[in-house]
Amino acid sequence: MKLKNFITPICGLALTLLTTTSCSWFDVNPKTDVKAEDLFSTPDGFESALAGIYVASTGRQAYGENWTFGFMDKLTQSYDNIPQDESASTIYNYTRNGGSKDVLATMWQQSYFLIANANNLLRWLDKQGESVITNTEKRRMIRGEALAWRAYLHFDLLRAWGPIYKKDPKAKSIPYRKAADNSKKPLLPADSVGNLILADIDSALVQMEYERDQSLAGSSRRFRLNYWAIMALKARVNLYLGNKEEAAQCAREVIDNSGLFLATTNNGDPAFTTETLFGINIYQMDENYSDAFARGPEFGDHYYLRSNKFDQIFDRNGEGLNDIRCRDYAFYIYSDQQVAITRKYQTAVNNLYMIPLIRLPEMYYILCESLPLEESAQYISQVMEYRGLLGYQNFTSDQAREEALEKEYRKEFYAEGQYFFFLKAHGMENFILRPTDIEKMTETQYVFPLPDAEKEYGWTEEETSENNPSEAPSEN
């Protein structure tokens, strides 16, 4: 796969560097330094290395499937393709070889592999970026996007492997890696990791300040970690950490200044790409994903919904029938076979396919969740009304607001990987499609265990008394 039209054509060189300089996520081989010296001797070389991170992120082990419509949405029971000889709860068995355990190990490894390459790029920027890249704006862009990637990747790892944050923010979670080496790193408390992520985000925003006044409407910058995508990430992280005032401020800035607006229709654009602040482009996605999505009449082991689950997710037995997110523009609906298949990843917009990673409606939901109860309903209602539904006049309790947001995350981010994180953040013991053989959702289902290799090879220090977890990251 390749990113088309939005990165330099020499991105293949960066991919070569990514795949040949390491046999595991932490291994930076000194034998490759000569190649690295060559690569980072020109501005195009730096851009190529950055482009390689974007390309590698589209892999199916990363955001090209597992972190988005794949594993993360299997956890919310969003499909009817769990193998028939297993129960739906098997997906939550994180210790069984050959199943979720292996998928999680791959997701962990690939994420830290991308982090290592972002760190390597930052190291070379520190070493000779100023002398090689004379264009200040380009140099700031590369540093800002690399920092943003490091923050973005660590945050998803934290949300997945960290605790249910509101219950135990001091629980040990993940290592925060700021160097491309094989040094041991401690498992930091979740709140410390959150602060390190915010520090990287703030550093990235400083670097990207030059594009603050640029509108994202119709811009190819939406395929890169641009200023407003990073600000949206800051809103997302602050909400997770319970910093609601800061989350609301960031979300409002994005809504008011990004240049994007809620879409009035999804005709020809079922993934709402016009609302996307940041997404990844996968070249010829319909062909590359032919084994994942089918268009009937044979469905096999593809990602699809049967009518009963389709109706449950989108409340199609009532007002939900008016919801544009579940009508013909959004799904292939086969009434005879009682099957529905999302169109999100089968429809090109302007000859481009996008997997959205941050979209504008989330900023409205963050405002709804962050503001006082009497002010919050208007923000979720705006999204609902654009989707064809009646909104809320007000909320009489925090529970009513949470239930409304749960429904919206379930519908709005179907096949995007965000719904599981909402359920976990709120510690929800039940959700509409929870398997009946699981009494309630707990840390057992919500907190992923460390991969065996982390403990077997000693890459991560589980206990330490010498490290200072609150140390802020440097500019690189």
Protein backbone atom coordinates (compact mmCIF):
# COMPACT_ATOMS: atom_id res chain seq x y z
CA MET A 1 0.00 0.00 0.00
CA LYS A 2 1.11 3.57 -0.49
CA LEU A 3 0.00 7.06 0.28
CA LYS A 4 -0.92 8.65 -2.99
CA ASN A 5 -0.59 12.36 -3.77
CA PHE A 6 0.17 13.44 -0.22
CA ILE A 7 3.77 12.40 0.41
CA THR A 8 6.92 12.44 -1.59
CA PRO A 9 7.38 9.72 -4.18
CA ILE A 10 10.53 8.55 -2.42
CA CYS A 11 8.54 7.16 0.51
CA GLY A 12 9.61 3.70 -0.57
CA LEU A 13 13.09 4.55 0.65
CA ALA A 14 11.67 5.31 4.07
CA LEU A 15 9.81 2.03 4.10
CA THR A 16 13.04 0.27 3.25
CA LEU A 17 14.67 1.94 6.23
CA LEU A 18 11.76 0.99 8.45
CA THR A 19 11.83 -2.64 7.47
CA THR A 20 15.55 -3.25 7.22
CA THR A 21 16.94 -1.43 10.21
CA SER A 22 15.18 -3.50 12.83
CA CYS A 23 14.23 -7.08 13.49
CA SER A 24 12.07 -6.00 16.43
CA TRP A 25 10.49 -2.75 17.49
CA PHE A 26 13.36 -1.54 19.65
CA ASP A 27 16.35 -2.66 17.63
CA VAL A 28 18.30 0.16 16.02
CA ASN A 29 21.16 -1.55 14.27
CA PRO A 30 24.43 0.43 14.20
CA LYS A 31 25.28 -1.26 10.89
CA THR A 32 22.58 0.85 9.25
CA ASP A 33 24.10 4.18 10.32
CA VAL A 34 25.78 4.64 6.94
CA LYS A 35 22.42 4.25 5.21
CA ALA A 36 20.88 6.64 7.72
CA GLU A 37 23.64 9.16 7.11
CA ASP A 38 22.79 9.05 3.43
CA LEU A 39 19.05 9.27 4.02
CA PHE A 40 19.27 12.22 6.39
CA SER A 41 21.73 14.15 4.27
CA THR A 42 18.97 15.86 2.26
CA PRO A 43 15.61 17.49 3.05
CA ASP A 44 13.89 14.87 0.90
CA GLY A 45 15.45 12.18 3.04
CA PHE A 46 13.88 13.60 6.19
CA GLU A 47 10.51 13.90 4.45
CA SER A 48 10.85 10.35 3.21
CA ALA A 49 11.47 9.04 6.72
CA LEU A 50 8.37 10.86 7.97
CA ALA A 51 6.34 9.56 5.03
CA GLY A 52 7.46 6.05 5.88
CA ILE A 53 5.82 6.33 9.30
CA TYR A 54 2.51 7.25 7.68
CA VAL A 55 2.81 4.38 5.22
CA ALA A 56 3.67 1.88 7.94
CA SER A 57 0.68 3.09 10.00
CA THR A 58 -1.65 1.89 7.24
CA GLY A 59 -0.60 -1.73 7.78
CA ARG A 60 -3.38 -4.04 8.84
CA GLN A 61 -1.55 -4.77 12.08
CA ALA A 62 -1.83 -1.06 12.88
CA TYR A 63 -4.45 1.52 11.80
CA GLY A 64 -5.21 -0.23 8.54
CA GLU A 65 -7.38 -2.68 10.48
CA ASN A 66 -6.65 -3.80 14.04
CA TRP A 67 -6.71 -0.38 15.73
CA THR A 68 -9.76 0.75 13.74
CA PHE A 69 -12.46 -1.41 12.17
CA GLY A 70 -10.78 -4.73 13.03
CA PHE A 71 -9.87 -5.98 16.48
CA MET A 72 -11.12 -2.94 18.42
CA ASP A 73 -14.59 -3.24 16.93
CA LYS A 74 -14.65 -7.00 17.34
CA LEU A 75 -14.34 -6.27 21.05
CA THR A 76 -17.62 -4.35 20.93
CA GLN A 77 -19.28 -7.26 19.09
CA SER A 78 -19.90 -5.01 16.09
CA TYR A 79 -19.86 -7.86 13.56
CA ASP A 80 -21.26 -11.32 13.02
CA ASN A 81 -18.00 -12.88 11.93
CA ILE A 82 -16.70 -14.36 15.17
CA PRO A 83 -15.79 -17.96 14.22
CA GLN A 84 -18.85 -20.11 14.61
CA ASP A 85 -17.12 -22.76 16.70
CA GLU A 86 -16.36 -20.23 19.41
CA SER A 87 -18.48 -18.10 21.68
CA ALA A 88 -18.63 -14.35 21.20
CA SER A 89 -16.75 -13.93 24.48
CA THR A 90 -13.65 -15.69 23.12
CA ILE A 91 -12.43 -12.36 21.76
CA TYR A 92 -11.86 -11.30 25.39
CA ASN A 93 -9.60 -14.27 26.14
CA TYR A 94 -6.28 -12.46 26.02
CA THR A 95 -4.22 -15.44 27.18
CA ARG A 96 -5.11 -18.01 24.49
CA ASN A 97 -2.40 -18.60 21.93
CA GLY A 98 -3.55 -18.26 18.35
CA GLY A 99 -6.29 -15.79 19.20
CA SER A 100 -6.51 -12.33 20.75
CA LYS A 101 -3.22 -12.82 22.58
CA ASP A 102 -1.33 -12.94 19.30
CA VAL A 103 -3.22 -9.99 17.82
CA LEU A 104 -2.51 -7.84 20.86
CA ALA A 105 1.18 -8.72 20.80
CA THR A 106 1.34 -7.63 17.19
CA MET A 107 -0.49 -4.36 17.88
CA TRP A 108 1.86 -3.58 20.76
CA GLN A 109 4.95 -4.43 18.72
CA GLN A 110 3.88 -2.44 15.66
CA SER A 111 2.98 0.63 17.72
CA TYR A 112 6.34 0.72 19.47
CA PHE A 113 8.03 0.05 16.14
CA LEU A 114 6.41 3.21 14.77
CA ILE A 115 7.35 5.11 17.93
CA ALA A 116 10.96 3.98 17.53
CA ASN A 117 11.03 5.33 14.00
CA ALA A 118 9.51 8.64 15.10
CA ASN A 119 12.18 8.83 17.78
CA ASN A 120 14.91 8.03 15.27
CA LEU A 121 13.67 10.81 13.00
CA LEU A 122 13.68 13.25 15.93
CA ARG A 123 17.20 12.19 16.84
CA TRP A 124 18.47 12.98 13.35
CA LEU A 125 16.63 16.29 13.37
CA ASP A 126 18.50 17.18 16.54
CA LYS A 127 21.78 15.99 15.06
CA GLN A 128 21.71 17.73 11.69
CA GLY A 129 18.21 18.88 10.84
CA GLU A 130 19.03 22.56 11.06
CA SER A 131 22.02 22.31 8.73
CA VAL A 132 20.30 20.03 6.20
CA ILE A 133 16.79 21.51 6.15
CA THR A 134 17.21 25.24 5.60
CA ASN A 135 13.48 25.81 5.14
CA THR A 136 12.33 26.56 8.69
CA GLU A 137 8.68 25.76 8.02
CA LYS A 138 9.50 22.36 6.58
CA ARG A 139 11.79 21.56 9.51
CA ARG A 140 9.08 22.53 11.98
CA MET A 141 6.51 20.45 10.12
CA ILE A 142 8.65 17.32 10.27
CA ARG A 143 9.42 17.74 13.96
CA GLY A 144 5.83 18.61 14.83
CA GLU A 145 4.36 15.63 13.01
CA ALA A 146 6.92 13.22 14.48
CA LEU A 147 6.15 14.46 18.00
CA ALA A 148 2.43 14.19 17.29
CA TRP A 149 2.83 10.61 16.09
CA ARG A 150 4.74 9.74 19.25
CA ALA A 151 1.93 11.20 21.36
CA TYR A 152 -0.86 9.62 19.28
CA LEU A 153 0.66 6.13 19.43
CA HIS A 154 1.44 6.26 23.14
CA PHE A 155 -2.09 7.44 23.87
CA ASP A 156 -3.72 4.50 22.11
CA LEU A 157 -1.35 2.14 23.92
CA LEU A 158 -2.29 3.81 27.21
CA ARG A 159 -6.01 3.56 26.51
CA ALA A 160 -5.66 -0.10 25.61
CA TRP A 161 -3.10 -1.43 28.11
CA GLY A 162 -3.67 1.10 30.86
CA PRO A 163 -6.24 0.88 33.66
CA ILE A 164 -9.82 2.08 33.68
CA TYR A 165 -8.48 5.55 34.32
CA LYS A 166 -11.25 7.01 36.43
CA LYS A 167 -10.92 4.08 38.84
CA ASP A 168 -7.14 3.99 39.23
CA PRO A 169 -5.13 6.74 37.49
CA LYS A 170 -1.99 5.77 39.44
CA ALA A 171 -1.96 2.17 38.18
CA LYS A 172 1.12 1.05 36.24
CA SER A 173 0.44 1.13 32.52
CA ILE A 174 3.01 1.34 29.70
CA PRO A 175 6.56 2.58 29.05
CA TYR A 176 6.99 5.98 27.44
CA ARG A 177 9.81 5.72 24.95
CA LYS A 178 11.61 8.87 23.80
CA ALA A 179 14.67 7.26 22.24
CA ALA A 180 15.12 4.73 19.45
CA ASP A 181 17.14 2.26 21.49
CA ASN A 182 16.76 -1.00 23.39
CA SER A 183 17.06 0.44 26.89
CA LYS A 184 14.75 -0.85 29.57
CA LYS A 185 11.91 1.47 30.47
CA PRO A 186 9.59 1.31 33.46
CA LEU A 187 5.86 0.82 33.37
CA LEU A 188 4.74 4.30 34.37
CA PRO A 189 1.58 5.26 36.26
CA ALA A 190 -1.19 6.07 33.82
CA ASP A 191 -1.43 9.71 34.89
CA SER A 192 2.31 10.18 34.35
CA VAL A 193 2.03 8.77 30.84
CA GLY A 194 -0.86 11.12 30.20
CA ASN A 195 1.22 14.10 31.23
CA LEU A 196 4.09 13.01 28.98
CA ILE A 197 1.65 12.69 26.08
CA LEU A 198 0.32 16.20 26.70
CA ALA A 199 3.85 17.56 26.83
CA ASP A 200 4.61 16.03 23.42
CA ILE A 201 1.34 17.42 22.05
CA ASP A 202 2.13 20.91 23.31
CA SER A 203 5.61 20.73 21.77
CA ALA A 204 4.06 19.61 18.48
CA LEU A 205 1.56 22.47 18.53
CA VAL A 206 4.37 24.98 19.01
CA GLN A 207 6.12 23.56 15.94
CA MET A 208 2.92 23.58 13.87
CA GLU A 209 1.74 27.04 14.92
CA TYR A 210 2.53 28.38 11.45
CA GLU A 211 -0.51 26.56 9.98
CA ARG A 212 -2.98 27.58 12.68
CA ASP A 213 -4.77 29.95 10.28
CA GLN A 214 -5.03 27.42 7.46
CA SER A 215 -8.44 25.89 6.81
CA LEU A 216 -8.65 22.10 6.51
CA ALA A 217 -11.65 22.22 4.17
CA GLY A 218 -10.63 20.31 1.07
CA SER A 219 -7.01 20.31 2.18
CA SER A 220 -4.64 17.37 1.75
CA ARG A 221 -3.28 18.24 5.20
CA ARG A 222 -6.16 16.19 6.59
CA PHE A 223 -4.08 13.14 5.61
CA ARG A 224 -1.31 14.33 7.91
CA LEU A 225 -1.11 15.26 11.58
CA ASN A 226 -1.88 18.93 11.05
CA TYR A 227 -2.27 21.65 13.67
CA TRP A 228 -6.01 21.17 14.16
CA ALA A 229 -5.77 17.39 14.30
CA ILE A 230 -3.17 17.75 17.04
CA MET A 231 -5.41 20.19 18.90
CA ALA A 232 -8.25 17.66 18.61
CA LEU A 233 -5.93 14.98 19.99
CA LYS A 234 -5.22 17.30 22.91
CA ALA A 235 -8.96 17.54 23.55
CA ARG A 236 -9.26 13.75 23.43
CA VAL A 237 -6.36 13.22 25.85
CA ASN A 238 -7.54 15.88 28.31
CA LEU A 239 -11.00 14.33 28.44
CA TYR A 240 -9.42 10.94 29.20
CA LEU A 241 -7.35 12.49 32.01
CA GLY A 242 -10.40 14.21 33.48
CA ASN A 243 -9.23 17.71 32.57
CA LYS A 244 -12.65 18.71 31.36
CA GLU A 245 -12.14 22.47 31.21
CA GLU A 246 -9.03 22.06 29.04
CA ALA A 247 -10.76 19.42 26.90
CA ALA A 248 -13.70 21.73 26.24
CA GLN A 249 -11.43 24.64 25.37
CA CYS A 250 -9.48 22.58 22.83
CA ALA A 251 -12.62 21.08 21.31
CA ARG A 252 -14.19 24.51 20.91
CA GLU A 253 -11.06 25.84 19.20
CA VAL A 254 -11.19 23.01 16.68
CA ILE A 255 -14.88 23.53 15.93
CA ASP A 256 -14.51 27.29 15.56
CA ASN A 257 -11.26 27.46 13.61
CA SER A 258 -10.47 24.24 11.70
CA GLY A 259 -12.59 25.20 8.70
CA LEU A 260 -14.56 21.93 8.84
CA PHE A 261 -18.30 21.62 9.40
CA LEU A 262 -20.73 18.83 10.13
CA ALA A 263 -21.89 17.24 6.89
CA THR A 264 -25.48 17.57 5.75
CA THR A 265 -25.34 14.25 3.87
CA ASN A 266 -23.20 11.15 3.53
CA ASN A 267 -24.26 10.46 -0.05
CA GLY A 268 -21.07 9.32 -1.75
CA ASP A 269 -19.13 9.81 1.47
CA PRO A 270 -20.19 7.17 4.03
CA ALA A 271 -17.01 7.69 6.10
CA PHE A 272 -17.75 11.45 6.44
CA THR A 273 -14.33 12.34 5.07
CA THR A 274 -15.31 16.01 4.83
CA GLU A 275 -15.52 15.99 8.64
CA THR A 276 -12.19 14.24 9.10
CA LEU A 277 -9.48 16.17 10.91
CA PHE A 278 -6.94 13.38 10.42
CA GLY A 279 -7.17 10.14 8.47
CA ILE A 280 -4.89 7.74 6.65
CA ASN A 281 -5.11 7.08 2.94
CA ILE A 282 -4.94 3.47 1.79
CA TYR A 283 -4.28 3.11 -1.91
CA GLN A 284 -6.90 1.01 -3.74
CA MET A 285 -8.52 0.04 -0.47
CA ASP A 286 -11.44 -1.70 -2.14
CA GLU A 287 -9.04 -4.13 -3.81
CA ASN A 288 -6.71 -4.51 -0.85
CA TYR A 289 -9.62 -5.22 1.49
CA SER A 290 -11.56 -7.61 -0.71
CA ASP A 291 -10.94 -10.33 1.88
CA ALA A 292 -12.37 -8.15 4.66
CA PHE A 293 -15.53 -6.66 3.15
CA ALA A 294 -17.89 -8.32 0.72
CA ARG A 295 -20.69 -6.89 -1.36
CA GLY A 296 -22.74 -10.05 -1.56
CA PRO A 297 -24.42 -12.29 -2.32
CA GLU A 298 -21.73 -14.54 -0.76
CA PHE A 299 -20.44 -13.10 2.52
CA GLY A 300 -18.22 -15.80 3.98
CA ASP A 301 -15.98 -14.70 6.85
CA HIS A 302 -16.17 -11.00 6.09
CA TYR A 303 -17.06 -8.02 8.26
CA TYR A 304 -20.85 -7.84 8.18
CA LEU A 305 -23.92 -7.48 10.37
CA ARG A 306 -27.02 -9.57 10.49
CA SER A 307 -30.28 -7.66 10.66
CA ASN A 308 -30.90 -8.18 14.36
CA LYS A 309 -27.55 -6.71 15.39
CA PHE A 310 -27.83 -3.97 12.75
CA ASP A 311 -31.18 -2.92 14.23
CA GLN A 312 -29.78 -2.97 17.77
CA ILE A 313 -26.73 -0.85 17.07
CA PHE A 314 -28.61 1.84 15.18
CA ASP A 315 -32.01 1.66 16.96
CA ARG A 316 -33.65 0.86 13.65
CA ASN A 317 -36.89 -0.27 15.26
CA GLY A 318 -37.74 3.34 16.00
CA GLU A 319 -36.39 6.78 15.18
CA GLY A 320 -33.13 5.23 14.03
CA LEU A 321 -34.65 4.48 10.63
CA ASN A 322 -34.14 8.17 9.85
CA ASP A 323 -30.45 8.05 10.77
CA ILE A 324 -28.30 8.62 7.67
CA ARG A 325 -25.53 6.60 9.33
CA CYS A 326 -27.46 3.36 8.75
CA ARG A 327 -29.28 4.00 5.48
CA ASP A 328 -28.38 2.98 1.93
CA TYR A 329 -25.65 5.59 1.58
CA ALA A 330 -23.87 4.15 4.63
CA PHE A 331 -24.46 0.40 4.25
CA TYR A 332 -25.03 -2.21 1.62
CA ILE A 333 -28.29 -3.67 2.89
CA TYR A 334 -29.30 -7.12 1.65
CA SER A 335 -32.85 -7.60 2.89
CA ASP A 336 -33.22 -11.10 1.48
CA GLN A 337 -30.15 -12.38 3.30
CA GLN A 338 -30.77 -10.07 6.27
CA VAL A 339 -27.21 -8.79 6.07
CA ALA A 340 -25.73 -5.27 6.17
CA ILE A 341 -22.14 -4.25 5.33
CA THR A 342 -20.61 -0.85 5.97
CA ARG A 343 -19.64 1.20 2.94
CA LYS A 344 -17.07 3.25 4.89
CA TYR A 345 -14.11 1.40 3.46
CA GLN A 346 -15.54 0.56 0.07
CA THR A 347 -16.24 4.05 -1.25
CA ALA A 348 -13.63 6.41 -2.67
CA VAL A 349 -14.08 10.17 -2.38
CA ASN A 350 -12.32 12.09 -5.15
CA ASN A 351 -10.55 8.82 -6.02
CA LEU A 352 -9.12 8.55 -2.51
CA TYR A 353 -9.89 6.16 0.32
CA MET A 354 -9.59 7.32 3.91
CA ILE A 355 -9.69 5.57 7.25
CA PRO A 356 -10.65 8.37 9.66
CA LEU A 357 -8.71 8.58 12.92
CA ILE A 358 -10.06 11.87 14.32
CA ARG A 359 -13.35 13.40 13.17
CA LEU A 360 -15.15 16.62 14.00
CA PRO A 361 -18.24 15.11 15.72
CA GLU A 362 -16.00 13.89 18.54
CA MET A 363 -15.30 17.51 19.44
CA TYR A 364 -19.04 18.09 19.91
CA TYR A 365 -19.27 14.99 22.10
CA ILE A 366 -16.30 16.19 24.15
CA LEU A 367 -18.08 19.49 24.75
CA CYS A 368 -21.22 17.60 25.73
CA GLU A 369 -19.28 15.52 28.25
CA SER A 370 -17.09 18.33 29.59
CA LEU A 371 -19.50 21.21 30.13
CA PRO A 372 -21.99 21.65 32.97
CA LEU A 373 -25.09 19.51 32.59
CA GLU A 374 -27.37 22.41 31.72
CA GLU A 375 -25.16 23.44 28.79
CA SER A 376 -24.25 20.04 27.37
CA ALA A 377 -27.28 18.77 25.47
CA GLN A 378 -27.02 21.30 22.65
CA TYR A 379 -23.70 19.87 21.43
CA ILE A 380 -24.69 16.25 21.08
CA SER A 381 -27.99 17.42 19.59
CA GLN A 382 -26.24 19.31 16.80
CA VAL A 383 -24.62 16.11 15.56
CA MET A 384 -27.82 14.10 15.93
CA GLU A 385 -29.86 16.63 13.97
CA TYR A 386 -27.35 16.55 11.11
CA ARG A 387 -27.71 12.76 11.14
CA GLY A 388 -31.50 12.96 10.83
CA LEU A 389 -32.47 12.44 14.47
CA LEU A 390 -34.18 14.49 17.13
CA GLY A 391 -31.73 15.85 19.68
CA TYR A 392 -32.06 16.41 23.41
CA GLN A 393 -33.52 19.51 25.03
CA ASN A 394 -31.60 18.93 28.24
CA PHE A 395 -30.22 16.24 30.53
CA THR A 396 -31.62 15.73 33.99
CA SER A 397 -28.68 13.66 35.26
CA ASP A 398 -25.11 12.67 34.49
CA GLN A 399 -26.35 9.14 33.86
CA ALA A 400 -28.76 10.34 31.17
CA ARG A 401 -25.95 12.24 29.48
CA GLU A 402 -23.64 9.22 29.60
CA GLU A 403 -26.33 6.98 28.09
CA ALA A 404 -26.92 9.46 25.27
CA LEU A 405 -23.20 9.67 24.52
CA GLU A 406 -22.88 5.89 24.58
CA LYS A 407 -25.53 5.61 21.87
CA GLU A 408 -23.85 8.25 19.76
CA TYR A 409 -20.35 6.75 20.02
CA ARG A 410 -21.83 3.38 19.07
CA LYS A 411 -23.45 4.79 15.93
CA GLU A 412 -21.10 7.57 14.87
CA PHE A 413 -17.88 5.59 15.19
CA TYR A 414 -19.08 2.25 13.96
CA ALA A 415 -16.09 0.41 12.42
CA GLU A 416 -13.66 3.12 13.53
CA GLY A 417 -12.36 1.64 16.81
CA GLN A 418 -13.41 4.44 19.19
CA TYR A 419 -16.48 2.88 20.83
CA PHE A 420 -14.50 0.39 22.96
CA PHE A 421 -12.44 3.23 24.39
CA PHE A 422 -15.61 5.11 25.36
CA LEU A 423 -16.97 2.04 27.16
CA LYS A 424 -13.68 1.53 28.99
CA ALA A 425 -13.25 5.19 29.94
CA HIS A 426 -16.66 5.09 31.62
CA GLY A 427 -16.09 1.65 33.15
CA MET A 428 -19.38 0.48 31.67
CA GLU A 429 -20.23 -2.96 32.99
CA ASN A 430 -22.79 -3.54 30.29
CA PHE A 431 -23.39 -2.50 26.70
CA ILE A 432 -26.04 -3.39 24.20
CA LEU A 433 -24.18 -6.30 22.56
CA ARG A 434 -22.33 -7.66 25.60
CA PRO A 435 -22.08 -11.46 25.27
CA THR A 436 -24.55 -13.17 27.58
CA ASP A 437 -21.90 -15.51 29.00
CA ILE A 438 -19.97 -12.53 30.39
CA GLU A 439 -21.74 -11.40 33.55
CA LYS A 440 -20.34 -7.88 33.33
CA MET A 441 -17.46 -6.03 31.73
CA THR A 442 -14.57 -5.52 34.15
CA GLU A 443 -10.82 -4.92 34.08
CA THR A 444 -10.52 -8.49 32.80
CA GLN A 445 -12.02 -7.43 29.48
CA TYR A 446 -10.94 -3.78 29.44
CA VAL A 447 -7.25 -3.98 30.37
CA PHE A 448 -4.95 -5.79 27.96
CA PRO A 449 -2.10 -7.82 29.51
CA LEU A 450 1.53 -7.15 28.59
CA PRO A 451 2.77 -9.33 25.73
CA ASP A 452 4.88 -12.29 26.88
CA ALA A 453 7.90 -11.00 24.99
CA GLU A 454 7.96 -7.84 27.07
CA LYS A 455 8.58 -9.89 30.20
CA GLU A 456 10.55 -12.73 28.59
CA TYR A 457 13.22 -10.50 27.08
CA GLY A 458 13.21 -7.86 29.82
CA TRP A 459 12.43 -4.94 27.51
CA THR A 460 10.17 -3.42 30.14
CA GLU A 461 10.91 -2.93 33.82
CA GLU A 462 7.71 -3.68 35.68
CA GLU A 463 8.96 -2.35 39.00
CA THR A 464 11.42 0.46 39.58
CA SER A 465 12.24 2.86 42.39
CA GLU A 466 14.93 4.82 40.59
CA ASN A 467 12.98 6.33 37.70
CA ASN A 468 11.14 9.60 37.87
CA PRO A 469 7.88 8.99 35.96
CA SER A 470 6.93 12.65 35.97
CA GLU A 471 9.99 13.79 34.04
CA ALA A 472 8.79 15.86 31.11
CA PRO A 473 9.98 14.90 27.65
CA SER A 474 12.52 17.01 25.86
CA GLU A 475 11.62 18.76 22.62
CA ASN A 476 12.58 15.57 20.77
